[in-house]
Amino acid sequence: MPLNGLWMERLKANLNLVRDYGSLLSGSVGRLVLSLAYFVSIANGLSVGDFGLFATASATGIVLSRIAGLGFVSPLYRVATVRPQLIGTYTVGFLLALVVSLPLVAVAAGGFYLVFFAGEMPLPAFVAIIVAEVLCWRLLEVVCIVNNGMGRFFAGAVIVIVGSAVRAAAAVGFVTLGDGSLTAWAFTYLAANAIAFLVVAIIYYPRRRLRFRPALYLARWRDSVSVAGAEIIFYLQSELDKLLVLSFGGAETAGIYAILMRLIDLTALPVRSFNTMVVQKLMRSPQWLESWRVRWGIEAGVALVSVAGLTFLGGFLHYFPRALGDNVADVAPLVLLALFVPAFRNLVEYQSELLYARGKTAMRALILAIVGMMKAGLLMVLLRAMPDQNSWILGLNGLFLTLWIVSASASYTALDWQPGRRWRMRAEAAPARAAPQPGE
């Protein structure tokens, strides 16, 4: 190919990449604005204690939603990326896996309620929140995942915006017309999530002929279950802190912590859009991240964006503490104390996505389990050793720094590890022996 033609091909590929990321980012920006409206409404429409209970129950629902479907969303996403003609077949597989998994979800939800929520919040409110997360919002995410897999990033952005808009409208309506009770909000939340899912599923899910192919599903079950395990572990370690704060500090402390972490979550939305692009890039070009210069460059960029986002938010709340409502104003002085938490937190999530993209799902689950256990242990130490609120929130920076070091060391070692390397080295040292074939 002539040099000019090569440059044109590269330019076109880069422009397409920028366009796709712009589409994803537009969804994140739209979701950021709507999520902020939703958060401000609920954080101030409920008492701080009730908001803590809602946020913790919602976090529990997010963890349980990863049991739903037994990880079969992963094969569905891979098929949407490389063989979209099979989406209908794998949709049937996902729906079957969803039905099979629901009893497991119910048992796990009952256990969580008895251990963490019994006596703290009404059972109907807890059930409504769990159903909203597991059967409504998670299925909306599946619609978005399939569209992103097919390269329909603009549609994926619209799906996210529609879902967030419906929830934000429900929150504003609740604050305006509701009675302020946690149970009333829980059922309002369920209705909003159900409406959002039905709208996007009808409009945006690809029209494909549904086919039942059990042989294909059985061939993917190991990958699916390992992905489900990794996802459960990831979200458990990600959300376990809310459960621990509720157990050790009570609903009021959990509410303050939930507000703080929600503000940190808002800064992660652009990074998650970037993660989506990285996963697809690695699926198509596995050698892309071999250079340490590229690796550390991306990590530095993720960290910089994360810290800049919280710096802006914390600075804004410093000068306008009541801009997001009276309840958020109580937390405003604490935001900048956790300045580096979003950087290390987002990087752990990014590294987990790298392992998923390379198909190292079992190792991903193991690393996330280690990170989760360390996080739980260190958080309990912080809560016990530093009862002063400012001190343990400041200590979160060191906690997440430790988790990043462990995650980065293990993740990049796993990415570079090739099981056949030792055998290939022996073969090169002894030319008379036949070199092993890939995969041996």
Protein backbone atom coordinates (compact mmCIF):
# COMPACT_ATOMS: atom_id res chain seq x y z
CA MET A 1 0.00 0.00 0.00
CA PRO A 2 1.40 3.49 -0.83
CA LEU A 3 2.54 5.62 2.09
CA ASN A 4 -0.24 8.16 1.56
CA GLY A 5 -2.82 5.37 1.50
CA LEU A 6 -1.44 3.95 4.77
CA TRP A 7 -1.66 7.32 6.46
CA MET A 8 -5.21 7.77 5.22
CA GLU A 9 -6.19 4.36 6.61
CA ARG A 10 -4.70 5.23 9.99
CA LEU A 11 -6.34 8.64 10.01
CA LYS A 12 -9.70 7.09 9.17
CA ALA A 13 -9.31 4.49 11.92
CA ASN A 14 -8.40 7.17 14.47
CA LEU A 15 -11.29 9.38 13.42
CA ASN A 16 -13.67 6.43 13.76
CA LEU A 17 -12.24 5.75 17.21
CA VAL A 18 -12.73 9.37 18.26
CA ARG A 19 -16.26 9.34 16.86
CA ASP A 20 -17.16 6.15 18.73
CA TYR A 21 -15.69 7.44 21.98
CA GLY A 22 -17.51 10.73 21.46
CA SER A 23 -20.77 8.82 21.16
CA LEU A 24 -20.06 6.88 24.33
CA LEU A 25 -18.93 10.02 26.13
CA SER A 26 -22.06 11.88 25.11
CA GLY A 27 -24.03 9.18 26.84
CA SER A 28 -21.84 9.56 29.91
CA VAL A 29 -22.22 13.34 29.95
CA GLY A 30 -25.98 13.03 29.55
CA ARG A 31 -26.07 10.41 32.26
CA LEU A 32 -23.88 12.60 34.48
CA VAL A 33 -26.31 15.52 34.28
CA LEU A 34 -29.37 13.33 34.82
CA SER A 35 -27.69 11.29 37.55
CA LEU A 36 -26.84 14.51 39.34
CA ALA A 37 -30.49 15.64 39.20
CA TYR A 38 -31.58 12.20 40.40
CA PHE A 39 -29.00 12.12 43.20
CA VAL A 40 -29.78 15.63 44.45
CA SER A 41 -33.51 14.90 44.53
CA ILE A 42 -33.26 11.64 46.45
CA ALA A 43 -30.40 12.66 48.73
CA ASN A 44 -32.51 15.59 49.91
CA GLY A 45 -35.97 14.00 49.53
CA LEU A 46 -35.14 11.21 51.99
CA SER A 47 -33.57 11.59 55.40
CA VAL A 48 -29.81 10.93 55.53
CA GLY A 49 -30.46 7.60 57.27
CA ASP A 50 -33.09 6.48 54.74
CA PHE A 51 -30.81 7.50 51.88
CA GLY A 52 -28.07 5.37 53.39
CA LEU A 53 -30.43 2.38 53.58
CA PHE A 54 -31.62 2.93 49.99
CA ALA A 55 -28.08 3.29 48.65
CA THR A 56 -26.94 0.17 50.50
CA ALA A 57 -29.95 -1.86 49.31
CA SER A 58 -29.36 -0.63 45.77
CA ALA A 59 -25.70 -1.66 46.02
CA THR A 60 -26.84 -5.09 47.18
CA GLY A 61 -29.15 -5.29 44.17
CA ILE A 62 -26.26 -4.44 41.85
CA VAL A 63 -24.24 -7.33 43.30
CA LEU A 64 -27.20 -9.72 42.97
CA SER A 65 -27.84 -8.59 39.39
CA ARG A 66 -24.54 -10.20 38.45
CA ILE A 67 -25.91 -13.57 39.54
CA ALA A 68 -28.90 -13.07 37.23
CA GLY A 69 -28.17 -14.67 33.87
CA LEU A 70 -25.18 -16.59 35.27
CA GLY A 71 -22.77 -14.47 33.24
CA PHE A 72 -24.29 -15.37 29.87
CA VAL A 73 -24.30 -11.69 28.96
CA SER A 74 -20.57 -12.16 28.24
CA PRO A 75 -21.06 -14.62 25.32
CA LEU A 76 -23.94 -12.43 24.15
CA TYR A 77 -21.63 -9.40 24.08
CA ARG A 78 -18.83 -11.28 22.32
CA VAL A 79 -21.27 -12.52 19.67
CA ALA A 80 -22.65 -9.00 19.19
CA THR A 81 -19.07 -7.82 18.63
CA VAL A 82 -17.85 -10.46 16.17
CA ARG A 83 -20.88 -12.44 14.88
CA PRO A 84 -24.02 -10.29 15.23
CA GLN A 85 -26.06 -12.73 13.14
CA LEU A 86 -26.13 -15.03 16.20
CA ILE A 87 -27.61 -12.45 18.58
CA GLY A 88 -31.06 -14.06 18.43
CA THR A 89 -29.64 -17.47 19.31
CA TYR A 90 -27.62 -16.17 22.24
CA THR A 91 -30.52 -14.01 23.44
CA VAL A 92 -32.48 -17.22 24.02
CA GLY A 93 -29.51 -18.62 25.94
CA PHE A 94 -29.35 -15.50 28.10
CA LEU A 95 -33.08 -15.61 28.88
CA LEU A 96 -32.87 -19.29 29.85
CA ALA A 97 -29.89 -18.57 32.09
CA LEU A 98 -31.82 -15.67 33.65
CA VAL A 99 -34.77 -17.92 34.55
CA VAL A 100 -32.48 -20.58 36.01
CA SER A 101 -30.62 -18.02 38.10
CA LEU A 102 -33.62 -16.29 39.71
CA PRO A 103 -33.99 -18.80 42.61
CA LEU A 104 -30.31 -18.23 43.43
CA VAL A 105 -30.90 -14.48 43.41
CA ALA A 106 -33.89 -14.88 45.74
CA VAL A 107 -31.94 -17.01 48.24
CA ALA A 108 -28.98 -14.62 48.22
CA ALA A 109 -31.28 -11.60 48.63
CA GLY A 110 -32.93 -13.24 51.64
CA GLY A 111 -29.53 -13.81 53.22
CA PHE A 112 -28.47 -10.21 52.70
CA TYR A 113 -31.72 -8.95 54.21
CA LEU A 114 -31.45 -11.09 57.32
CA VAL A 115 -27.81 -10.18 57.95
CA PHE A 116 -27.78 -6.46 57.13
CA PHE A 117 -31.28 -5.00 56.77
CA ALA A 118 -33.71 -6.82 59.10
CA GLY A 119 -34.99 -4.29 61.60
CA GLU A 120 -33.50 -1.42 59.61
CA MET A 121 -35.86 -1.19 56.62
CA PRO A 122 -39.23 -2.74 55.66
CA LEU A 123 -39.05 -5.98 53.66
CA PRO A 124 -41.37 -4.72 50.84
CA ALA A 125 -39.08 -1.74 50.27
CA PHE A 126 -36.02 -3.99 50.12
CA VAL A 127 -37.70 -6.40 47.67
CA ALA A 128 -38.83 -3.56 45.40
CA ILE A 129 -35.28 -2.15 45.21
CA ILE A 130 -33.75 -5.57 44.49
CA VAL A 131 -36.27 -6.32 41.71
CA ALA A 132 -35.63 -2.89 40.20
CA GLU A 133 -31.88 -3.54 40.03
CA VAL A 134 -31.97 -7.22 39.01
CA LEU A 135 -34.88 -7.45 36.56
CA CYS A 136 -35.15 -3.90 35.26
CA TRP A 137 -31.93 -1.92 35.29
CA ARG A 138 -29.69 -4.92 34.61
CA LEU A 139 -31.78 -5.88 31.57
CA LEU A 140 -31.61 -2.28 30.35
CA GLU A 141 -27.82 -2.58 30.66
CA VAL A 142 -27.94 -5.76 28.55
CA VAL A 143 -29.71 -3.86 25.77
CA CYS A 144 -26.98 -1.21 25.96
CA ILE A 145 -24.21 -3.85 26.02
CA VAL A 146 -25.54 -5.57 22.89
CA ASN A 147 -25.77 -2.27 21.02
CA ASN A 148 -22.22 -1.31 22.02
CA GLY A 149 -21.01 -4.73 20.93
CA MET A 150 -22.49 -4.12 17.49
CA GLY A 151 -20.74 -0.77 17.28
CA ARG A 152 -23.98 1.18 17.75
CA PHE A 153 -22.42 3.50 20.30
CA PHE A 154 -24.85 6.35 19.69
CA ALA A 155 -27.78 4.03 20.38
CA GLY A 156 -25.99 2.83 23.52
CA ALA A 157 -25.58 6.43 24.63
CA VAL A 158 -29.27 7.14 24.04
CA ILE A 159 -30.26 4.03 26.03
CA VAL A 160 -28.23 5.22 29.01
CA ILE A 161 -29.69 8.72 28.76
CA VAL A 162 -33.28 7.45 28.49
CA GLY A 163 -32.85 5.19 31.52
CA SER A 164 -31.27 7.93 33.59
CA ALA A 165 -33.89 10.46 32.47
CA VAL A 166 -36.78 8.24 33.57
CA ARG A 167 -35.18 7.66 36.97
CA ALA A 168 -34.43 11.37 37.38
CA ALA A 169 -38.02 12.28 36.49
CA ALA A 170 -39.29 9.74 39.02
CA ALA A 171 -37.02 11.20 41.70
CA VAL A 172 -38.15 14.76 41.04
CA GLY A 173 -41.78 13.62 41.02
CA PHE A 174 -41.30 11.77 44.29
CA VAL A 175 -39.75 14.77 46.02
CA THR A 176 -42.55 16.99 44.72
CA LEU A 177 -45.52 14.71 45.32
CA GLY A 178 -44.34 11.86 47.55
CA ASP A 179 -44.63 11.48 51.31
CA GLY A 180 -40.88 11.14 51.84
CA SER A 181 -41.03 7.55 53.08
CA LEU A 182 -38.48 4.95 52.05
CA THR A 183 -41.14 2.41 51.05
CA ALA A 184 -42.93 4.89 48.78
CA TRP A 185 -39.65 5.75 47.08
CA ALA A 186 -38.72 2.07 46.67
CA PHE A 187 -41.89 1.33 44.67
CA THR A 188 -41.52 4.55 42.69
CA TYR A 189 -37.98 3.46 41.87
CA LEU A 190 -39.20 0.03 40.75
CA ALA A 191 -41.83 1.55 38.46
CA ALA A 192 -39.33 3.97 36.91
CA ASN A 193 -36.79 1.24 36.17
CA ALA A 194 -39.46 -1.03 34.68
CA ILE A 195 -40.71 1.72 32.36
CA ALA A 196 -37.17 2.60 31.27
CA PHE A 197 -36.34 -1.01 30.43
CA LEU A 198 -39.53 -1.60 28.44
CA VAL A 199 -39.01 1.57 26.39
CA VAL A 200 -35.41 0.85 25.41
CA ALA A 201 -36.00 -2.87 24.83
CA ILE A 202 -38.86 -2.21 22.41
CA ILE A 203 -37.00 0.48 20.49
CA TYR A 204 -33.35 -0.58 20.56
CA TYR A 205 -32.94 -4.32 20.99
CA PRO A 206 -31.82 -5.80 17.64
CA ARG A 207 -34.55 -7.61 15.71
CA ARG A 208 -33.24 -11.13 15.25
CA ARG A 209 -34.89 -14.49 14.84
CA LEU A 210 -34.85 -16.33 18.17
CA ARG A 211 -33.34 -19.81 17.94
CA PHE A 212 -32.76 -22.45 20.59
CA ARG A 213 -29.26 -23.97 20.27
CA PRO A 214 -28.40 -25.81 23.52
CA ALA A 215 -25.10 -27.12 22.15
CA LEU A 216 -23.81 -23.54 21.79
CA TYR A 217 -24.93 -22.64 25.31
CA LEU A 218 -23.26 -25.67 26.86
CA ALA A 219 -20.02 -24.81 25.05
CA ARG A 220 -20.04 -21.37 26.69
CA TRP A 221 -21.17 -22.25 30.21
CA ARG A 222 -17.68 -22.35 31.75
CA ASP A 223 -16.78 -18.92 30.41
CA SER A 224 -20.17 -17.58 31.49
CA VAL A 225 -19.96 -18.89 35.03
CA SER A 226 -16.38 -17.64 35.47
CA VAL A 227 -17.42 -14.20 34.18
CA ALA A 228 -20.40 -14.22 36.55
CA GLY A 229 -18.12 -15.14 39.44
CA ALA A 230 -15.70 -12.37 38.57
CA GLU A 231 -18.53 -9.85 38.20
CA ILE A 232 -20.08 -10.85 41.53
CA ILE A 233 -16.72 -10.59 43.26
CA PHE A 234 -15.95 -7.27 41.56
CA TYR A 235 -19.22 -5.64 42.59
CA LEU A 236 -19.13 -7.25 46.02
CA GLN A 237 -15.71 -5.75 46.72
CA SER A 238 -16.88 -2.51 45.13
CA GLU A 239 -20.09 -2.25 47.18
CA LEU A 240 -19.09 -4.13 50.34
CA ASP A 241 -17.91 -0.92 51.94
CA LYS A 242 -21.50 0.39 52.11
CA LEU A 243 -22.64 -2.78 53.90
CA LEU A 244 -19.74 -2.61 56.34
CA VAL A 245 -20.33 1.07 57.11
CA LEU A 246 -24.02 0.29 57.71
CA SER A 247 -23.09 -2.57 60.06
CA PHE A 248 -20.39 -0.70 62.01
CA GLY A 249 -21.62 2.87 61.87
CA GLY A 250 -25.40 2.69 61.53
CA ALA A 251 -27.80 4.19 59.00
CA GLU A 252 -26.77 7.81 59.57
CA THR A 253 -23.07 7.16 58.96
CA ALA A 254 -23.97 4.93 56.02
CA GLY A 255 -25.95 7.81 54.55
CA ILE A 256 -23.03 10.22 54.80
CA TYR A 257 -20.69 7.64 53.29
CA ALA A 258 -23.18 6.84 50.51
CA ILE A 259 -23.48 10.51 49.56
CA LEU A 260 -19.69 10.85 49.46
CA MET A 261 -19.21 7.72 47.34
CA ARG A 262 -22.03 8.75 45.01
CA LEU A 263 -20.22 12.01 44.33
CA ILE A 264 -17.06 10.00 43.61
CA ASP A 265 -19.05 7.69 41.30
CA LEU A 266 -20.11 10.66 39.19
CA THR A 267 -16.47 11.29 38.28
CA ALA A 268 -16.08 7.69 37.01
CA LEU A 269 -18.61 7.91 34.15
CA PRO A 270 -16.15 9.19 31.47
CA VAL A 271 -13.63 6.53 32.54
CA ARG A 272 -16.17 3.73 32.10
CA SER A 273 -16.86 4.89 28.56
CA PHE A 274 -13.13 4.72 27.92
CA ASN A 275 -13.03 1.20 29.40
CA THR A 276 -15.62 0.07 26.86
CA MET A 277 -13.39 1.23 24.01
CA VAL A 278 -10.32 -0.41 25.54
CA VAL A 279 -12.10 -3.77 25.88
CA GLN A 280 -13.13 -3.79 22.23
CA LYS A 281 -9.67 -2.65 21.11
CA LEU A 282 -8.00 -5.48 23.04
CA MET A 283 -10.48 -8.06 21.73
CA ARG A 284 -9.54 -7.11 18.18
CA SER A 285 -5.81 -6.35 18.75
CA PRO A 286 -4.46 -8.44 21.66
CA GLN A 287 -0.90 -7.07 21.26
CA TRP A 288 -1.97 -3.45 21.69
CA LEU A 289 -0.98 -3.12 25.38
CA GLU A 290 2.35 -4.94 25.30
CA SER A 291 4.32 -1.70 25.72
CA TRP A 292 4.76 -0.50 29.31
CA ARG A 293 4.92 3.05 28.00
CA VAL A 294 1.37 2.70 26.68
CA ARG A 295 0.22 0.98 29.87
CA TRP A 296 1.50 3.63 32.26
CA GLY A 297 0.38 6.41 29.92
CA ILE A 298 -3.20 5.15 30.01
CA GLU A 299 -3.09 4.63 33.78
CA ALA A 300 -1.80 8.16 34.29
CA GLY A 301 -4.56 9.52 32.06
CA VAL A 302 -7.28 7.63 33.96
CA ALA A 303 -5.89 8.86 37.28
CA LEU A 304 -5.61 12.46 36.09
CA VAL A 305 -9.17 12.59 34.77
CA SER A 306 -10.49 11.02 37.97
CA VAL A 307 -8.67 13.41 40.32
CA ALA A 308 -9.56 16.43 38.17
CA GLY A 309 -13.24 15.50 38.30
CA LEU A 310 -13.35 15.26 42.09
CA THR A 311 -11.20 18.39 42.47
CA PHE A 312 -13.71 20.36 40.43
CA LEU A 313 -16.67 18.93 42.33
CA GLY A 314 -15.05 19.39 45.73
CA GLY A 315 -13.97 22.95 44.90
CA PHE A 316 -17.45 23.83 43.71
CA LEU A 317 -19.01 22.47 46.92
CA HIS A 318 -16.42 24.30 49.01
CA TYR A 319 -17.63 27.64 47.72
CA PHE A 320 -21.29 26.66 47.24
CA PRO A 321 -21.92 23.97 49.87
CA ARG A 322 -25.72 24.13 49.59
CA ALA A 323 -25.82 24.01 45.80
CA LEU A 324 -26.82 20.32 45.90
CA GLY A 325 -29.15 20.59 48.89
CA ASP A 326 -28.93 20.67 52.67
CA ASN A 327 -28.14 16.98 53.16
CA VAL A 328 -25.28 17.11 50.65
CA ALA A 329 -24.01 20.30 52.32
CA ASP A 330 -23.21 18.26 55.45
CA VAL A 331 -20.87 16.09 53.35
CA ALA A 332 -19.35 18.92 51.26
CA PRO A 333 -16.34 19.52 53.59
CA LEU A 334 -15.42 15.83 53.34
CA VAL A 335 -15.21 15.58 49.54
CA LEU A 336 -11.66 16.84 49.07
CA LEU A 337 -10.43 14.62 51.91
CA ALA A 338 -10.99 11.66 49.57
CA LEU A 339 -9.28 13.34 46.60
CA PHE A 340 -7.28 10.34 45.38
CA VAL A 341 -9.93 7.68 46.03
CA PRO A 342 -11.55 7.95 42.55
CA ALA A 343 -8.18 7.59 40.79
CA PHE A 344 -7.19 4.34 42.52
CA ARG A 345 -10.77 3.03 42.49
CA ASN A 346 -11.21 3.64 38.76
CA LEU A 347 -7.82 2.10 37.99
CA VAL A 348 -8.73 -1.14 39.78
CA GLU A 349 -11.89 -1.27 37.65
CA TYR A 350 -9.88 -0.53 34.49
CA GLN A 351 -7.40 -3.31 35.22
CA SER A 352 -10.25 -5.74 35.77
CA GLU A 353 -11.62 -4.83 32.34
CA LEU A 354 -8.23 -5.55 30.76
CA LEU A 355 -8.31 -9.10 32.13
CA TYR A 356 -11.85 -9.57 30.82
CA ALA A 357 -10.85 -8.36 27.36
CA ARG A 358 -8.00 -10.88 27.24
CA GLY A 359 -10.30 -13.73 28.32
CA LYS A 360 -8.52 -14.26 31.66
CA THR A 361 -11.78 -14.53 33.57
CA ALA A 362 -10.67 -17.03 36.24
CA MET A 363 -7.60 -14.94 37.10
CA ARG A 364 -9.78 -11.84 37.09
CA ALA A 365 -12.09 -13.45 39.65
CA LEU A 366 -9.15 -14.47 41.83
CA ILE A 367 -7.57 -11.00 41.81
CA LEU A 368 -10.89 -9.34 42.55
CA ALA A 369 -11.48 -11.75 45.44
CA ILE A 370 -8.10 -10.85 46.92
CA VAL A 371 -8.76 -7.13 46.46
CA GLY A 372 -12.23 -7.50 47.99
CA MET A 373 -10.96 -9.31 51.10
CA MET A 374 -8.22 -6.74 51.57
CA LYS A 375 -10.69 -3.90 51.17
CA ALA A 376 -13.05 -5.38 53.77
CA GLY A 377 -10.25 -5.96 56.26
CA LEU A 378 -8.64 -2.54 55.82
CA LEU A 379 -12.00 -0.77 56.02
CA MET A 380 -12.86 -2.49 59.29
CA VAL A 381 -9.45 -1.46 60.65
CA LEU A 382 -10.12 2.14 59.59
CA LEU A 383 -13.59 2.23 61.15
CA ARG A 384 -12.30 0.80 64.43
CA ALA A 385 -8.96 2.61 64.69
CA MET A 386 -10.20 6.00 63.46
CA PRO A 387 -13.68 6.66 64.85
CA ASP A 388 -13.31 10.32 63.92
CA GLN A 389 -15.14 10.84 60.62
CA ASN A 390 -12.54 13.07 58.99
CA SER A 391 -9.70 10.71 59.90
CA TRP A 392 -11.12 7.54 58.41
CA ILE A 393 -12.29 9.29 55.26
CA LEU A 394 -8.77 10.66 54.81
CA GLY A 395 -7.51 7.13 55.42
CA LEU A 396 -9.53 5.90 52.42
CA ASN A 397 -6.82 7.37 50.15
CA GLY A 398 -4.24 5.00 51.59
CA LEU A 399 -6.68 2.10 51.52
CA PHE A 400 -7.41 2.47 47.81
CA LEU A 401 -3.72 3.11 47.04
CA THR A 402 -2.94 -0.27 48.60
CA LEU A 403 -5.68 -1.94 46.56
CA TRP A 404 -4.34 -0.37 43.34
CA ILE A 405 -0.80 -1.60 44.01
CA VAL A 406 -2.04 -5.15 44.59
CA SER A 407 -4.39 -5.06 41.59
CA ALA A 408 -1.82 -3.56 39.20
CA SER A 409 0.91 -6.02 40.21
CA ALA A 410 -1.35 -9.04 39.86
CA SER A 411 -3.23 -7.88 36.75
CA TYR A 412 -0.20 -7.02 34.61
CA THR A 413 1.58 -10.19 35.72
CA ALA A 414 -1.48 -12.16 34.60
CA LEU A 415 -1.66 -10.28 31.29
CA ASP A 416 1.99 -11.06 30.50
CA TRP A 417 1.94 -14.66 31.71
CA GLN A 418 1.96 -17.23 28.91
CA PRO A 419 1.51 -20.81 30.16
CA GLY A 420 3.48 -22.23 27.22
CA ARG A 421 6.50 -19.92 27.64
CA ARG A 422 8.60 -22.45 29.58
CA TRP A 423 7.99 -25.15 26.99
CA ARG A 424 8.83 -22.83 24.11
CA MET A 425 12.12 -21.86 25.77
CA ARG A 426 13.04 -25.54 26.17
CA ALA A 427 12.16 -26.21 22.54
CA GLU A 428 14.38 -23.36 21.35
CA ALA A 429 17.27 -24.68 23.48
CA ALA A 430 16.86 -28.19 22.00
CA PRO A 431 16.20 -27.84 18.22
CA ALA A 432 15.98 -31.62 17.77
CA ARG A 433 12.71 -31.69 19.70
CA ALA A 434 9.49 -30.63 18.05
CA ALA A 435 8.18 -27.33 19.33
CA PRO A 436 4.80 -27.62 21.09
CA GLN A 437 1.76 -26.33 19.27
CA PRO A 438 -0.09 -23.31 20.66
CA GLY A 439 -2.35 -24.29 23.50
CA GLU A 440 -0.39 -27.39 24.55
